[in-house]
Amino acid sequence: MTIDSTLVRRLLTAQFPHWSHLPLNRLEPAGSDHVIHRLGDTMSVRLPRSDWADGEAAKEHTWLPLLAPRLPLAVPEPLALGTPGCGYAHHWSVTRWLAGTTPAADGLADPALTTRQLADFLRSLQAAPAADALRPGPHPELTRAPLATRDRATREAIDAVDGVFDTAALTEVWDNALAAPARDREPVWCHGDFHTGNLLTVDGRLSAVIDFGGLGMGDPACDLVIAYTLLSATTRPLFRAALALDDATWTRGMGWALTTGLNAYTSYAATEPRVARQSARQLTEVLTEHADVTPTRPRAPAVRN
């Protein structure tokens, strides 16, 4: 169904009438999972686009208040959890508005500082007590699927970008990631979608981490995607050193960067130039690093559009 300001106003009137008089402004460009409206000056309303994002609002509403005090950057503050209604089928949320803009690799005021901030955030998140310690009981909504479950889709996506990227090198990166030793320690907290689009900056300085719909407990290698969406060949080694990452974890992280970049590129690049640029950079950074550590292969060619 169409998720527009009229629907949001109807939902607010029905469930949170004390906010229904406030101005509503839809944010553009919208995310792939949610339609977001700014509500007044201090709040935002997030509505899942479809079934694939169903459950994310409830997850954030449950866990972010427990994790936020342990994190060094601002995160969304849930204010209310909306329920299905007015013909809309999913839970939705009202959160505190976080000011800022999406960062760009060439717009960081201090790339080294940003690198340290990202590492500090991940260390703090991973150090948080396990879910059953924060909230006793089973929590199936936090279970993260391993990298190998994406094998078929990733290989199909590699085939789909033949002629645009070096598919032989992409296949090598993916094979290496699947062959890397699995994590042999207890699962830790993972953001689950830790890329440039889910960060905010103010005056070029990192200020907040948003969109915790992928939050879960598992292998923290999934959060190394940020090393390829925002960082560079200069700052990635600083990031890796700050997190004291072993070769296996870093290799699995490259695999996560590859599979998520391919998913975004094959899903949206044909219609969303912004996503095309972002995902092309992500994949190109992966290929460049792979070429640098694989002397027998020539450096990956530039993307052809």
C-alpha atoms as a PDB file:
ATOM      1  CA  MET A   1       0.000   0.000   0.000  1.00  0.00           C
ATOM      2  CA  THR A   2       1.022   3.630  -0.355  1.00  0.00           C
ATOM      3  CA  ILE A   3       2.703   4.894   2.807  1.00  0.00           C
ATOM      4  CA  ASP A   4       2.102   8.624   2.666  1.00  0.00           C
ATOM      5  CA  SER A   5       1.520  11.455   5.105  1.00  0.00           C
ATOM      6  CA  THR A   6      -2.225  10.829   5.047  1.00  0.00           C
ATOM      7  CA  LEU A   7      -1.752   7.289   6.338  1.00  0.00           C
ATOM      8  CA  VAL A   8       0.746   8.394   8.983  1.00  0.00           C
ATOM      9  CA  ARG A   9      -1.669  11.099  10.173  1.00  0.00           C
ATOM     10  CA  ARG A  10      -4.500   8.557  10.431  1.00  0.00           C
ATOM     11  CA  LEU A  11      -2.325   6.163  12.448  1.00  0.00           C
ATOM     12  CA  LEU A  12      -1.236   8.928  14.799  1.00  0.00           C
ATOM     13  CA  THR A  13      -4.800  10.119  15.272  1.00  0.00           C
ATOM     14  CA  ALA A  14      -5.975   6.611  16.090  1.00  0.00           C
ATOM     15  CA  GLN A  15      -3.140   5.565  18.382  1.00  0.00           C
ATOM     16  CA  PHE A  16      -1.261   8.647  19.605  1.00  0.00           C
ATOM     17  CA  PRO A  17      -3.742  11.528  19.288  1.00  0.00           C
ATOM     18  CA  HIS A  18      -1.606  13.841  21.445  1.00  0.00           C
ATOM     19  CA  TRP A  19       0.887  13.994  18.552  1.00  0.00           C
ATOM     20  CA  SER A  20      -1.578  14.012  15.671  1.00  0.00           C
ATOM     21  CA  HIS A  21      -1.646  17.822  15.323  1.00  0.00           C
ATOM     22  CA  LEU A  22       2.106  18.139  14.737  1.00  0.00           C
ATOM     23  CA  PRO A  23       3.529  18.870  11.266  1.00  0.00           C
ATOM     24  CA  LEU A  24       4.548  15.855   9.164  1.00  0.00           C
ATOM     25  CA  ASN A  25       7.270  15.952   6.534  1.00  0.00           C
ATOM     26  CA  ARG A  26       8.352  12.893   4.590  1.00  0.00           C
ATOM     27  CA  LEU A  27      12.117  12.453   4.369  1.00  0.00           C
ATOM     28  CA  GLU A  28      13.798  11.916   1.024  1.00  0.00           C
ATOM     29  CA  PRO A  29      15.669   9.965  -0.077  1.00  0.00           C
ATOM     30  CA  ALA A  30      13.904   7.215   1.829  1.00  0.00           C
ATOM     31  CA  GLY A  31      15.567   4.049   3.040  1.00  0.00           C
ATOM     32  CA  SER A  32      15.060   0.631   1.501  1.00  0.00           C
ATOM     33  CA  ASP A  33      13.296  -0.756   4.596  1.00  0.00           C
ATOM     34  CA  HIS A  34      11.281   2.163   5.948  1.00  0.00           C
ATOM     35  CA  VAL A  35       9.379   5.276   5.010  1.00  0.00           C
ATOM     36  CA  ILE A  36      10.312   8.001   7.479  1.00  0.00           C
ATOM     37  CA  HIS A  37       8.475  11.188   8.370  1.00  0.00           C
ATOM     38  CA  ARG A  38       9.701  13.943  10.612  1.00  0.00           C
ATOM     39  CA  LEU A  39       7.075  14.657  13.244  1.00  0.00           C
ATOM     40  CA  GLY A  40       7.190  18.183  14.604  1.00  0.00           C
ATOM     41  CA  ASP A  41      10.683  19.367  15.516  1.00  0.00           C
ATOM     42  CA  THR A  42      11.733  16.598  17.871  1.00  0.00           C
ATOM     43  CA  MET A  43      10.420  13.251  16.592  1.00  0.00           C
ATOM     44  CA  SER A  44      10.342  10.910  13.612  1.00  0.00           C
ATOM     45  CA  VAL A  45       7.887   8.226  12.497  1.00  0.00           C
ATOM     46  CA  ARG A  46       9.224   5.068  10.833  1.00  0.00           C
ATOM     47  CA  LEU A  47       6.955   2.644   8.962  1.00  0.00           C
ATOM     48  CA  PRO A  48       8.242  -0.610   7.426  1.00  0.00           C
ATOM     49  CA  ARG A  49       7.726  -0.806   3.687  1.00  0.00           C
ATOM     50  CA  SER A  50       6.803  -4.479   3.665  1.00  0.00           C
ATOM     51  CA  ASP A  51       7.114  -7.852   5.371  1.00  0.00           C
ATOM     52  CA  TRP A  52      10.900  -7.957   5.160  1.00  0.00           C
ATOM     53  CA  ALA A  53      11.170  -5.151   7.745  1.00  0.00           C
ATOM     54  CA  ASP A  54       8.310  -6.354   9.936  1.00  0.00           C
ATOM     55  CA  GLY A  55       9.429  -6.837  13.523  1.00  0.00           C
ATOM     56  CA  GLU A  56      12.217  -4.271  13.400  1.00  0.00           C
ATOM     57  CA  ALA A  57      10.232  -1.608  15.245  1.00  0.00           C
ATOM     58  CA  ALA A  58       9.461  -3.959  18.129  1.00  0.00           C
ATOM     59  CA  LYS A  59      13.093  -5.075  18.286  1.00  0.00           C
ATOM     60  CA  GLU A  60      14.386  -1.523  18.545  1.00  0.00           C
ATOM     61  CA  HIS A  61      11.705  -0.620  21.076  1.00  0.00           C
ATOM     62  CA  THR A  62      12.821  -3.509  23.294  1.00  0.00           C
ATOM     63  CA  TRP A  63      16.591  -3.393  23.057  1.00  0.00           C
ATOM     64  CA  LEU A  64      17.783   0.152  22.330  1.00  0.00           C
ATOM     65  CA  PRO A  65      16.853   1.511  25.784  1.00  0.00           C
ATOM     66  CA  LEU A  66      18.959  -1.272  27.319  1.00  0.00           C
ATOM     67  CA  LEU A  67      21.952  -0.788  25.038  1.00  0.00           C
ATOM     68  CA  ALA A  68      22.010   3.001  24.629  1.00  0.00           C
ATOM     69  CA  PRO A  69      23.589   3.831  28.010  1.00  0.00           C
ATOM     70  CA  ARG A  70      26.525   1.564  27.139  1.00  0.00           C
ATOM     71  CA  LEU A  71      27.278   3.144  23.749  1.00  0.00           C
ATOM     72  CA  PRO A  72      29.550   6.132  23.030  1.00  0.00           C
ATOM     73  CA  LEU A  73      27.407   7.588  20.231  1.00  0.00           C
ATOM     74  CA  ALA A  74      23.779   8.612  20.149  1.00  0.00           C
ATOM     75  CA  VAL A  75      21.264   6.013  18.950  1.00  0.00           C
ATOM     76  CA  PRO A  76      17.514   6.293  18.284  1.00  0.00           C
ATOM     77  CA  GLU A  77      15.376   6.748  21.380  1.00  0.00           C
ATOM     78  CA  PRO A  78      12.074   4.867  21.004  1.00  0.00           C
ATOM     79  CA  LEU A  79       9.125   6.896  22.251  1.00  0.00           C
ATOM     80  CA  ALA A  80       6.172   4.778  21.162  1.00  0.00           C
ATOM     81  CA  LEU A  81       5.461   1.508  19.374  1.00  0.00           C
ATOM     82  CA  GLY A  82       2.551   1.661  16.960  1.00  0.00           C
ATOM     83  CA  THR A  83       0.459  -1.354  16.045  1.00  0.00           C
ATOM     84  CA  PRO A  84      -1.173  -2.388  12.747  1.00  0.00           C
ATOM     85  CA  GLY A  85      -4.230  -0.347  11.861  1.00  0.00           C
ATOM     86  CA  CYS A  86      -5.976   1.837   9.270  1.00  0.00           C
ATOM     87  CA  GLY A  87      -5.284  -0.872   6.688  1.00  0.00           C
ATOM     88  CA  TYR A  88      -1.557  -0.886   7.503  1.00  0.00           C
ATOM     89  CA  ALA A  89      -0.257  -4.340   8.471  1.00  0.00           C
ATOM     90  CA  HIS A  90       2.927  -3.743  10.497  1.00  0.00           C
ATOM     91  CA  HIS A  91       4.195  -2.399  13.780  1.00  0.00           C
ATOM     92  CA  TRP A  92       5.732   1.050  13.439  1.00  0.00           C
ATOM     93  CA  SER A  93       7.559   3.445  15.702  1.00  0.00           C
ATOM     94  CA  VAL A  94       7.908   6.995  16.920  1.00  0.00           C
ATOM     95  CA  THR A  95      11.447   7.926  17.959  1.00  0.00           C
ATOM     96  CA  ARG A  96      13.365  10.990  19.073  1.00  0.00           C
ATOM     97  CA  TRP A  97      14.674  13.004  16.114  1.00  0.00           C
ATOM     98  CA  LEU A  98      18.442  12.846  15.641  1.00  0.00           C
ATOM     99  CA  ALA A  99      19.970  15.747  13.755  1.00  0.00           C
ATOM    100  CA  GLY A 100      22.732  15.174  11.247  1.00  0.00           C
ATOM    101  CA  THR A 101      23.551  14.204   7.707  1.00  0.00           C
ATOM    102  CA  THR A 102      24.737  10.996   6.087  1.00  0.00           C
ATOM    103  CA  PRO A 103      28.553  11.005   5.960  1.00  0.00           C
ATOM    104  CA  ALA A 104      30.627  10.843   2.823  1.00  0.00           C
ATOM    105  CA  ALA A 105      34.130   9.451   2.701  1.00  0.00           C
ATOM    106  CA  ASP A 106      35.470  12.717   1.303  1.00  0.00           C
ATOM    107  CA  GLY A 107      33.502  14.884   3.725  1.00  0.00           C
ATOM    108  CA  LEU A 108      34.877  13.740   7.074  1.00  0.00           C
ATOM    109  CA  ALA A 109      36.425  16.493   9.149  1.00  0.00           C
ATOM    110  CA  ASP A 110      38.952  14.082  10.693  1.00  0.00           C
ATOM    111  CA  PRO A 111      39.047  10.621   9.058  1.00  0.00           C
ATOM    112  CA  ALA A 112      41.359   9.184  11.732  1.00  0.00           C
ATOM    113  CA  LEU A 113      39.056  10.380  14.516  1.00  0.00           C
ATOM    114  CA  THR A 114      36.030   8.918  12.719  1.00  0.00           C
ATOM    115  CA  THR A 115      37.878   5.624  12.393  1.00  0.00           C
ATOM    116  CA  ARG A 116      38.537   5.539  16.143  1.00  0.00           C
ATOM    117  CA  GLN A 117      34.919   6.461  16.885  1.00  0.00           C
ATOM    118  CA  LEU A 118      33.639   3.603  14.730  1.00  0.00           C
ATOM    119  CA  ALA A 119      35.958   1.131  16.443  1.00  0.00           C
ATOM    120  CA  ASP A 120      34.997   2.450  19.897  1.00  0.00           C
ATOM    121  CA  PHE A 121      31.315   2.064  19.066  1.00  0.00           C
ATOM    122  CA  LEU A 122      31.720  -1.536  17.928  1.00  0.00           C
ATOM    123  CA  ARG A 123      33.869  -2.444  20.925  1.00  0.00           C
ATOM    124  CA  SER A 124      31.267  -0.995  23.284  1.00  0.00           C
ATOM    125  CA  LEU A 125      28.409  -2.749  21.514  1.00  0.00           C
ATOM    126  CA  GLN A 126      30.214  -6.087  21.542  1.00  0.00           C
ATOM    127  CA  ALA A 127      31.055  -5.688  25.229  1.00  0.00           C
ATOM    128  CA  ALA A 128      27.413  -5.253  26.255  1.00  0.00           C
ATOM    129  CA  PRO A 129      26.005  -8.138  28.326  1.00  0.00           C
ATOM    130  CA  ALA A 130      24.332 -10.917  26.389  1.00  0.00           C
ATOM    131  CA  ALA A 131      20.654 -10.544  25.612  1.00  0.00           C
ATOM    132  CA  ASP A 132      19.556 -13.077  28.206  1.00  0.00           C
ATOM    133  CA  ALA A 133      21.495 -11.135  30.847  1.00  0.00           C
ATOM    134  CA  LEU A 134      19.824  -7.849  29.943  1.00  0.00           C
ATOM    135  CA  ARG A 135      16.395  -9.434  29.545  1.00  0.00           C
ATOM    136  CA  PRO A 136      16.079 -13.046  30.751  1.00  0.00           C
ATOM    137  CA  GLY A 137      14.572 -15.549  28.368  1.00  0.00           C
ATOM    138  CA  PRO A 138      14.964 -16.724  24.765  1.00  0.00           C
ATOM    139  CA  HIS A 139      15.241 -14.095  22.061  1.00  0.00           C
ATOM    140  CA  PRO A 140      14.854 -15.676  18.611  1.00  0.00           C
ATOM    141  CA  GLU A 141      14.482 -12.245  16.989  1.00  0.00           C
ATOM    142  CA  LEU A 142      18.187 -11.661  17.687  1.00  0.00           C
ATOM    143  CA  THR A 143      19.468 -14.766  15.928  1.00  0.00           C
ATOM    144  CA  ARG A 144      21.695 -13.832  12.991  1.00  0.00           C
ATOM    145  CA  ALA A 145      22.071 -16.150  10.014  1.00  0.00           C
ATOM    146  CA  PRO A 146      25.674 -17.097   9.170  1.00  0.00           C
ATOM    147  CA  LEU A 147      27.453 -15.851   6.067  1.00  0.00           C
ATOM    148  CA  ALA A 148      27.114 -19.197   4.281  1.00  0.00           C
ATOM    149  CA  THR A 149      23.324 -18.850   4.054  1.00  0.00           C
ATOM    150  CA  ARG A 150      23.895 -16.115   1.461  1.00  0.00           C
ATOM    151  CA  ASP A 151      26.007 -18.311  -0.832  1.00  0.00           C
ATOM    152  CA  ARG A 152      23.518 -18.992  -3.620  1.00  0.00           C
ATOM    153  CA  ALA A 153      22.215 -15.423  -3.806  1.00  0.00           C
ATOM    154  CA  THR A 154      25.737 -14.011  -3.734  1.00  0.00           C
ATOM    155  CA  ARG A 155      26.985 -16.199  -6.580  1.00  0.00           C
ATOM    156  CA  GLU A 156      23.927 -15.294  -8.639  1.00  0.00           C
ATOM    157  CA  ALA A 157      24.634 -11.619  -7.981  1.00  0.00           C
ATOM    158  CA  ILE A 158      28.266 -12.061  -9.029  1.00  0.00           C
ATOM    159  CA  ASP A 159      27.063 -13.506 -12.323  1.00  0.00           C
ATOM    160  CA  ALA A 160      24.670 -10.596 -12.722  1.00  0.00           C
ATOM    161  CA  VAL A 161      27.429  -7.972 -12.534  1.00  0.00           C
ATOM    162  CA  ASP A 162      29.674  -9.640 -15.101  1.00  0.00           C
ATOM    163  CA  GLY A 163      30.989  -6.938 -17.386  1.00  0.00           C
ATOM    164  CA  VAL A 164      30.702  -4.294 -14.667  1.00  0.00           C
ATOM    165  CA  PHE A 165      33.028  -5.681 -11.985  1.00  0.00           C
ATOM    166  CA  ASP A 166      35.840  -8.237 -12.007  1.00  0.00           C
ATOM    167  CA  THR A 167      33.725 -11.306 -11.285  1.00  0.00           C
ATOM    168  CA  ALA A 168      36.717 -13.634 -10.987  1.00  0.00           C
ATOM    169  CA  ALA A 169      38.098 -11.468  -8.182  1.00  0.00           C
ATOM    170  CA  LEU A 170      34.666 -11.189  -6.544  1.00  0.00           C
ATOM    171  CA  THR A 171      34.404 -14.970  -6.563  1.00  0.00           C
ATOM    172  CA  GLU A 172      37.843 -15.268  -4.954  1.00  0.00           C
ATOM    173  CA  VAL A 173      36.844 -12.875  -2.175  1.00  0.00           C
ATOM    174  CA  TRP A 174      33.644 -14.813  -1.569  1.00  0.00           C
ATOM    175  CA  ASP A 175      35.361 -18.206  -1.604  1.00  0.00           C
ATOM    176  CA  ASN A 176      37.977 -16.931   0.837  1.00  0.00           C
ATOM    177  CA  ALA A 177      35.289 -15.628   3.188  1.00  0.00           C
ATOM    178  CA  LEU A 178      33.419 -18.935   3.222  1.00  0.00           C
ATOM    179  CA  ALA A 179      36.661 -20.865   3.735  1.00  0.00           C
ATOM    180  CA  ALA A 180      37.841 -18.682   6.639  1.00  0.00           C
ATOM    181  CA  PRO A 181      37.653 -20.351  10.062  1.00  0.00           C
ATOM    182  CA  ALA A 182      34.349 -19.685  11.790  1.00  0.00           C
ATOM    183  CA  ARG A 183      34.189 -17.672  14.990  1.00  0.00           C
ATOM    184  CA  ASP A 184      34.841 -20.000  17.927  1.00  0.00           C
ATOM    185  CA  ARG A 185      33.680 -17.710  20.736  1.00  0.00           C
ATOM    186  CA  GLU A 186      30.330 -16.764  22.204  1.00  0.00           C
ATOM    187  CA  PRO A 187      28.120 -14.561  20.015  1.00  0.00           C
ATOM    188  CA  VAL A 188      28.223 -10.828  20.685  1.00  0.00           C
ATOM    189  CA  TRP A 189      25.962  -7.914  19.865  1.00  0.00           C
ATOM    190  CA  CYS A 190      26.051  -6.801  16.218  1.00  0.00           C
ATOM    191  CA  HIS A 191      24.406  -3.775  14.642  1.00  0.00           C
ATOM    192  CA  GLY A 192      23.760  -5.918  11.574  1.00  0.00           C
ATOM    193  CA  ASP A 193      23.611  -3.134   8.975  1.00  0.00           C
ATOM    194  CA  PHE A 194      26.624  -1.028   9.863  1.00  0.00           C
ATOM    195  CA  HIS A 195      27.209   1.044   6.748  1.00  0.00           C
ATOM    196  CA  THR A 196      27.476   4.698   5.782  1.00  0.00           C
ATOM    197  CA  GLY A 197      23.729   5.165   5.337  1.00  0.00           C
ATOM    198  CA  ASN A 198      23.098   4.295   8.981  1.00  0.00           C
ATOM    199  CA  LEU A 199      25.444   6.906  10.418  1.00  0.00           C
ATOM    200  CA  LEU A 200      24.918  10.608  11.063  1.00  0.00           C
ATOM    201  CA  THR A 201      27.469  13.395  11.161  1.00  0.00           C
ATOM    202  CA  VAL A 202      27.371  17.003  12.307  1.00  0.00           C
ATOM    203  CA  ASP A 203      29.959  19.317  10.736  1.00  0.00           C
ATOM    204  CA  GLY A 204      31.720  16.279   9.307  1.00  0.00           C
ATOM    205  CA  ARG A 205      32.051  14.569  12.694  1.00  0.00           C
ATOM    206  CA  LEU A 206      30.320  11.321  13.608  1.00  0.00           C
ATOM    207  CA  SER A 207      27.363  11.964  15.910  1.00  0.00           C
ATOM    208  CA  ALA A 208      24.958   8.998  15.840  1.00  0.00           C
ATOM    209  CA  VAL A 209      24.286   5.451  14.679  1.00  0.00           C
ATOM    210  CA  ILE A 210      20.761   4.728  13.457  1.00  0.00           C
ATOM    211  CA  ASP A 211      18.559   1.922  12.065  1.00  0.00           C
ATOM    212  CA  PHE A 212      19.070  -1.059  14.354  1.00  0.00           C
ATOM    213  CA  GLY A 213      16.594  -3.272  12.513  1.00  0.00           C
ATOM    214  CA  GLY A 214      19.348  -5.833  11.898  1.00  0.00           C
ATOM    215  CA  LEU A 215      20.386  -5.892  15.565  1.00  0.00           C
ATOM    216  CA  GLY A 216      21.284  -9.337  16.818  1.00  0.00           C
ATOM    217  CA  MET A 217      23.871 -11.550  18.442  1.00  0.00           C
ATOM    218  CA  GLY A 218      26.406 -13.429  16.356  1.00  0.00           C
ATOM    219  CA  ASP A 219      29.665 -13.012  14.479  1.00  0.00           C
ATOM    220  CA  PRO A 220      30.817  -9.356  14.667  1.00  0.00           C
ATOM    221  CA  ALA A 221      32.438  -9.714  11.234  1.00  0.00           C
ATOM    222  CA  CYS A 222      29.101  -8.606   9.761  1.00  0.00           C
ATOM    223  CA  ASP A 223      29.721  -5.091  11.082  1.00  0.00           C
ATOM    224  CA  LEU A 224      33.011  -4.714   9.206  1.00  0.00           C
ATOM    225  CA  VAL A 225      31.021  -3.574   6.162  1.00  0.00           C
ATOM    226  CA  ILE A 226      31.678  -0.023   7.361  1.00  0.00           C
ATOM    227  CA  ALA A 227      35.374  -0.493   6.532  1.00  0.00           C
ATOM    228  CA  TYR A 228      34.446  -0.549   2.843  1.00  0.00           C
ATOM    229  CA  THR A 229      31.513   1.870   2.725  1.00  0.00           C
ATOM    230  CA  LEU A 230      33.124   4.778   4.577  1.00  0.00           C
ATOM    231  CA  LEU A 231      36.782   4.063   5.298  1.00  0.00           C
ATOM    232  CA  SER A 232      39.666   3.980   2.839  1.00  0.00           C
ATOM    233  CA  ALA A 233      42.886   2.116   2.207  1.00  0.00           C
ATOM    234  CA  THR A 234      44.529   4.604   4.585  1.00  0.00           C
ATOM    235  CA  THR A 235      42.090   4.324   7.481  1.00  0.00           C
ATOM    236  CA  ARG A 236      41.114   0.648   7.241  1.00  0.00           C
ATOM    237  CA  PRO A 237      44.394  -0.541   8.827  1.00  0.00           C
ATOM    238  CA  LEU A 238      43.787   1.859  11.740  1.00  0.00           C
ATOM    239  CA  PHE A 239      40.278   0.455  12.151  1.00  0.00           C
ATOM    240  CA  ARG A 240      41.482  -3.134  12.080  1.00  0.00           C
ATOM    241  CA  ALA A 241      44.248  -2.422  14.583  1.00  0.00           C
ATOM    242  CA  ALA A 242      41.866  -0.605  16.940  1.00  0.00           C
ATOM    243  CA  LEU A 243      39.614  -3.678  16.996  1.00  0.00           C
ATOM    244  CA  ALA A 244      42.576  -6.116  17.148  1.00  0.00           C
ATOM    245  CA  LEU A 245      41.011  -8.287  14.449  1.00  0.00           C
ATOM    246  CA  ASP A 246      42.509 -11.606  13.378  1.00  0.00           C
ATOM    247  CA  ASP A 247      42.842 -12.641   9.731  1.00  0.00           C
ATOM    248  CA  ALA A 248      39.807 -14.932   9.782  1.00  0.00           C
ATOM    249  CA  THR A 249      37.462 -12.270  11.137  1.00  0.00           C
ATOM    250  CA  TRP A 250      38.743  -9.695   8.655  1.00  0.00           C
ATOM    251  CA  THR A 251      38.303 -12.136   5.768  1.00  0.00           C
ATOM    252  CA  ARG A 252      34.740 -12.906   6.816  1.00  0.00           C
ATOM    253  CA  GLY A 253      34.149  -9.161   7.078  1.00  0.00           C
ATOM    254  CA  MET A 254      35.251  -8.721   3.465  1.00  0.00           C
ATOM    255  CA  GLY A 255      32.727 -11.391   2.567  1.00  0.00           C
ATOM    256  CA  TRP A 256      29.965  -9.458   4.331  1.00  0.00           C
ATOM    257  CA  ALA A 257      30.987  -6.279   2.529  1.00  0.00           C
ATOM    258  CA  LEU A 258      30.911  -8.109  -0.791  1.00  0.00           C
ATOM    259  CA  THR A 259      27.534  -9.808  -0.332  1.00  0.00           C
ATOM    260  CA  THR A 260      25.745  -6.720   1.011  1.00  0.00           C
ATOM    261  CA  GLY A 261      27.274  -4.508  -1.676  1.00  0.00           C
ATOM    262  CA  LEU A 262      26.189  -6.912  -4.398  1.00  0.00           C
ATOM    263  CA  ASN A 263      22.684  -7.122  -2.960  1.00  0.00           C
ATOM    264  CA  ALA A 264      22.327  -3.335  -2.971  1.00  0.00           C
ATOM    265  CA  TYR A 265      23.854  -2.945  -6.421  1.00  0.00           C
ATOM    266  CA  THR A 266      21.760  -5.609  -8.166  1.00  0.00           C
ATOM    267  CA  SER A 267      18.556  -4.525  -6.391  1.00  0.00           C
ATOM    268  CA  TYR A 268      18.711  -0.746  -6.761  1.00  0.00           C
ATOM    269  CA  ALA A 269      21.525   0.507  -9.005  1.00  0.00           C
ATOM    270  CA  ALA A 270      19.383   0.530 -12.142  1.00  0.00           C
ATOM    271  CA  THR A 271      16.863   2.925 -10.593  1.00  0.00           C
ATOM    272  CA  GLU A 272      18.687   4.677  -7.723  1.00  0.00           C
ATOM    273  CA  PRO A 273      21.844   6.558  -8.747  1.00  0.00           C
ATOM    274  CA  ARG A 274      22.698   7.260  -5.098  1.00  0.00           C
ATOM    275  CA  VAL A 275      22.681   3.564  -4.245  1.00  0.00           C
ATOM    276  CA  ALA A 276      24.607   2.792  -7.419  1.00  0.00           C
ATOM    277  CA  ARG A 277      27.404   5.144  -6.358  1.00  0.00           C
ATOM    278  CA  GLN A 278      27.507   3.884  -2.784  1.00  0.00           C
ATOM    279  CA  SER A 279      27.434   0.182  -3.586  1.00  0.00           C
ATOM    280  CA  ALA A 280      29.905   0.589  -6.459  1.00  0.00           C
ATOM    281  CA  ARG A 281      32.335   2.253  -4.058  1.00  0.00           C
ATOM    282  CA  GLN A 282      31.821  -0.540  -1.551  1.00  0.00           C
ATOM    283  CA  LEU A 283      32.584  -3.250  -4.086  1.00  0.00           C
ATOM    284  CA  THR A 284      35.485  -1.331  -5.578  1.00  0.00           C
ATOM    285  CA  GLU A 285      37.083  -0.924  -2.138  1.00  0.00           C
ATOM    286  CA  VAL A 286      36.758  -4.684  -1.582  1.00  0.00           C
ATOM    287  CA  LEU A 287      38.336  -5.433  -4.945  1.00  0.00           C
ATOM    288  CA  THR A 288      41.140  -2.942  -4.404  1.00  0.00           C
ATOM    289  CA  GLU A 289      42.062  -4.459  -1.055  1.00  0.00           C
ATOM    290  CA  HIS A 290      41.863  -7.945  -2.534  1.00  0.00           C
ATOM    291  CA  ALA A 291      44.221  -6.929  -5.347  1.00  0.00           C
ATOM    292  CA  ASP A 292      46.643  -5.397  -2.848  1.00  0.00           C
ATOM    293  CA  VAL A 293      46.914  -8.634  -0.859  1.00  0.00           C
ATOM    294  CA  THR A 294      46.885 -10.906  -3.929  1.00  0.00           C
ATOM    295  CA  PRO A 295      50.064 -10.000  -5.849  1.00  0.00           C
ATOM    296  CA  THR A 296      49.465 -12.553  -8.585  1.00  0.00           C
ATOM    297  CA  ARG A 297      46.328 -10.728  -9.728  1.00  0.00           C
ATOM    298  CA  PRO A 298      46.311  -7.336 -11.467  1.00  0.00           C
ATOM    299  CA  ARG A 299      44.562  -4.504  -9.650  1.00  0.00           C
ATOM    300  CA  ALA A 300      40.781  -4.597 -10.132  1.00  0.00           C
ATOM    301  CA  PRO A 301      39.637  -2.454 -13.062  1.00  0.00           C
ATOM    302  CA  ALA A 302      37.516   0.615 -12.547  1.00  0.00           C
ATOM    303  CA  VAL A 303      33.765   0.188 -12.529  1.00  0.00           C
ATOM    304  CA  ARG A 304      32.175   0.491 -15.954  1.00  0.00           C
ATOM    305  CA  ASN A 305      28.820   2.247 -16.072  1.00  0.00           C
END
